[in-house]
Amino acid sequence: MMMKMKGMCAIHKTAWVLVLVGALNWGLVGLLNFNLVMWLFGGWPVVERIVYVLVGLAAVAMLGIGKCCMKDCKCDEEGCAHCGPGEKKPMAGAQPMGGEHKM
């Protein structure tokens, strides 16, 4: 399933890009024995290591964060791309019906 970047918070966008970079790098290592990150940053081992740590943290963030609901969400559909199916962020100043809205 292709993720829609529109409507994602900055944390999810960044994590998604970093996970994609990591996946592409591992694919290249597996298929061609070519490490793109080492090729790009091999002269700077600290930067190379930081990239690997960021990719790992991004994967954890994608697993742990779940969904992010934008504060400026103006949902007018039944299900919201950022809030998830069946959840709608209430209009400004309105109280959610049936409990608290997840943020």
C-alpha atoms as a PDB file:
ATOM      1  CA  MET A   1       0.000   0.000   0.000  1.00  0.00           C
ATOM      2  CA  MET A   2       1.449   3.367  -1.013  1.00  0.00           C
ATOM      3  CA  MET A   3       1.410   5.922   1.781  1.00  0.00           C
ATOM      4  CA  LYS A   4       0.098   9.373   0.994  1.00  0.00           C
ATOM      5  CA  MET A   5       2.620  12.028   2.037  1.00  0.00           C
ATOM      6  CA  LYS A   6      -0.055  14.723   1.960  1.00  0.00           C
ATOM      7  CA  GLY A   7      -1.599  15.061   5.386  1.00  0.00           C
ATOM      8  CA  MET A   8       1.286  13.402   7.218  1.00  0.00           C
ATOM      9  CA  CYS A   9       2.981  15.280  10.026  1.00  0.00           C
ATOM     10  CA  ALA A  10       6.637  16.292   9.666  1.00  0.00           C
ATOM     11  CA  ILE A  11       7.805  13.461  11.932  1.00  0.00           C
ATOM     12  CA  HIS A  12       6.064  10.837   9.796  1.00  0.00           C
ATOM     13  CA  LYS A  13       7.292  12.386   6.532  1.00  0.00           C
ATOM     14  CA  THR A  14      10.881  12.417   7.769  1.00  0.00           C
ATOM     15  CA  ALA A  15      10.617   8.899   9.188  1.00  0.00           C
ATOM     16  CA  TRP A  16       9.057   7.612   5.970  1.00  0.00           C
ATOM     17  CA  VAL A  17      11.878   9.064   3.847  1.00  0.00           C
ATOM     18  CA  LEU A  18      14.557   7.681   6.184  1.00  0.00           C
ATOM     19  CA  VAL A  19      12.981   4.216   6.219  1.00  0.00           C
ATOM     20  CA  LEU A  20      12.831   4.345   2.413  1.00  0.00           C
ATOM     21  CA  VAL A  21      16.527   5.289   2.273  1.00  0.00           C
ATOM     22  CA  GLY A  22      17.366   2.403   4.604  1.00  0.00           C
ATOM     23  CA  ALA A  23      15.294  -0.064   2.595  1.00  0.00           C
ATOM     24  CA  LEU A  24      16.881   1.011  -0.682  1.00  0.00           C
ATOM     25  CA  ASN A  25      20.339   0.776   0.861  1.00  0.00           C
ATOM     26  CA  TRP A  26      19.684  -2.763   2.146  1.00  0.00           C
ATOM     27  CA  GLY A  27      18.274  -3.740  -1.250  1.00  0.00           C
ATOM     28  CA  LEU A  28      21.431  -2.512  -2.963  1.00  0.00           C
ATOM     29  CA  VAL A  29      23.608  -4.335  -0.422  1.00  0.00           C
ATOM     30  CA  GLY A  30      21.680  -7.564  -0.967  1.00  0.00           C
ATOM     31  CA  LEU A  31      21.498  -7.405  -4.752  1.00  0.00           C
ATOM     32  CA  LEU A  32      24.747  -5.743  -5.757  1.00  0.00           C
ATOM     33  CA  ASN A  33      26.868  -5.784  -2.582  1.00  0.00           C
ATOM     34  CA  PHE A  34      26.896  -1.966  -2.876  1.00  0.00           C
ATOM     35  CA  ASN A  35      26.425   0.148   0.249  1.00  0.00           C
ATOM     36  CA  LEU A  36      25.128   3.529  -0.933  1.00  0.00           C
ATOM     37  CA  VAL A  37      25.426   5.177   2.487  1.00  0.00           C
ATOM     38  CA  MET A  38      29.068   4.115   2.810  1.00  0.00           C
ATOM     39  CA  TRP A  39      29.717   5.240  -0.755  1.00  0.00           C
ATOM     40  CA  LEU A  40      28.208   8.677  -0.066  1.00  0.00           C
ATOM     41  CA  PHE A  41      29.588   9.228   3.437  1.00  0.00           C
ATOM     42  CA  GLY A  42      32.498   6.755   3.675  1.00  0.00           C
ATOM     43  CA  GLY A  43      34.962   9.602   4.133  1.00  0.00           C
ATOM     44  CA  TRP A  44      33.022  10.679   7.225  1.00  0.00           C
ATOM     45  CA  PRO A  45      32.447   7.595   9.384  1.00  0.00           C
ATOM     46  CA  VAL A  46      30.651   9.642  12.051  1.00  0.00           C
ATOM     47  CA  VAL A  47      28.130  10.954   9.499  1.00  0.00           C
ATOM     48  CA  GLU A  48      27.679   7.433   8.108  1.00  0.00           C
ATOM     49  CA  ARG A  49      26.956   6.122  11.594  1.00  0.00           C
ATOM     50  CA  ILE A  50      24.509   8.977  12.268  1.00  0.00           C
ATOM     51  CA  VAL A  51      22.604   8.083   9.073  1.00  0.00           C
ATOM     52  CA  TYR A  52      22.323   4.456  10.223  1.00  0.00           C
ATOM     53  CA  VAL A  53      21.104   5.540  13.675  1.00  0.00           C
ATOM     54  CA  LEU A  54      18.539   7.914  12.137  1.00  0.00           C
ATOM     55  CA  VAL A  55      17.234   5.164   9.837  1.00  0.00           C
ATOM     56  CA  GLY A  56      16.850   2.849  12.839  1.00  0.00           C
ATOM     57  CA  LEU A  57      15.088   5.515  14.901  1.00  0.00           C
ATOM     58  CA  ALA A  58      12.808   6.270  11.960  1.00  0.00           C
ATOM     59  CA  ALA A  59      11.788   2.613  11.763  1.00  0.00           C
ATOM     60  CA  VAL A  60      11.000   2.600  15.486  1.00  0.00           C
ATOM     61  CA  ALA A  61       9.044   5.846  15.078  1.00  0.00           C
ATOM     62  CA  MET A  62       6.996   4.364  12.241  1.00  0.00           C
ATOM     63  CA  LEU A  63       6.171   1.361  14.433  1.00  0.00           C
ATOM     64  CA  GLY A  64       5.535   3.266  17.645  1.00  0.00           C
ATOM     65  CA  ILE A  65       3.935   6.553  16.724  1.00  0.00           C
ATOM     66  CA  GLY A  66       0.981   5.018  14.920  1.00  0.00           C
ATOM     67  CA  LYS A  67      -0.798   8.047  13.589  1.00  0.00           C
ATOM     68  CA  CYS A  68      -0.450  11.771  13.998  1.00  0.00           C
ATOM     69  CA  CYS A  69      -3.442  14.036  13.938  1.00  0.00           C
ATOM     70  CA  MET A  70      -2.653  17.510  12.713  1.00  0.00           C
ATOM     71  CA  LYS A  71      -3.707  20.399  14.905  1.00  0.00           C
ATOM     72  CA  ASP A  72      -4.925  22.299  11.863  1.00  0.00           C
ATOM     73  CA  CYS A  73      -6.891  19.323  10.517  1.00  0.00           C
ATOM     74  CA  LYS A  74     -10.052  20.396   8.708  1.00  0.00           C
ATOM     75  CA  CYS A  75     -11.640  17.038   8.088  1.00  0.00           C
ATOM     76  CA  ASP A  76     -14.861  17.091   6.175  1.00  0.00           C
ATOM     77  CA  GLU A  77     -14.863  13.432   5.218  1.00  0.00           C
ATOM     78  CA  GLU A  78     -16.063  10.382   7.113  1.00  0.00           C
ATOM     79  CA  GLY A  79     -12.477   9.219   7.659  1.00  0.00           C
ATOM     80  CA  CYS A  80      -9.507  11.524   7.843  1.00  0.00           C
ATOM     81  CA  ALA A  81      -6.136  10.786   6.198  1.00  0.00           C
ATOM     82  CA  HIS A  82      -4.275  11.959   9.287  1.00  0.00           C
ATOM     83  CA  CYS A  83      -6.698  10.965  12.043  1.00  0.00           C
ATOM     84  CA  GLY A  84      -7.531   7.522  10.681  1.00  0.00           C
ATOM     85  CA  PRO A  85     -10.706   5.830   9.556  1.00  0.00           C
ATOM     86  CA  GLY A  86     -13.798   6.640  11.548  1.00  0.00           C
ATOM     87  CA  GLU A  87     -12.164   9.497  13.446  1.00  0.00           C
ATOM     88  CA  LYS A  88     -12.774  13.132  12.728  1.00  0.00           C
ATOM     89  CA  LYS A  89     -11.099  15.997  14.473  1.00  0.00           C
ATOM     90  CA  PRO A  90     -13.732  18.337  15.898  1.00  0.00           C
ATOM     91  CA  MET A  91     -14.012  21.852  14.568  1.00  0.00           C
ATOM     92  CA  ALA A  92     -12.147  24.549  16.469  1.00  0.00           C
ATOM     93  CA  GLY A  93     -13.785  25.169  19.829  1.00  0.00           C
ATOM     94  CA  ALA A  94     -16.108  22.176  19.591  1.00  0.00           C
ATOM     95  CA  GLN A  95     -15.988  19.348  22.094  1.00  0.00           C
ATOM     96  CA  PRO A  96     -15.683  15.826  20.683  1.00  0.00           C
ATOM     97  CA  MET A  97     -18.732  13.665  21.105  1.00  0.00           C
ATOM     98  CA  GLY A  98     -18.372  10.410  23.012  1.00  0.00           C
ATOM     99  CA  GLY A  99     -15.004  11.034  24.644  1.00  0.00           C
ATOM    100  CA  GLU A 100     -11.670  12.613  24.035  1.00  0.00           C
ATOM    101  CA  HIS A 101     -10.189  12.896  20.541  1.00  0.00           C
ATOM    102  CA  LYS A 102      -6.818  11.164  20.218  1.00  0.00           C
ATOM    103  CA  MET A 103      -3.889  13.403  19.393  1.00  0.00           C
END
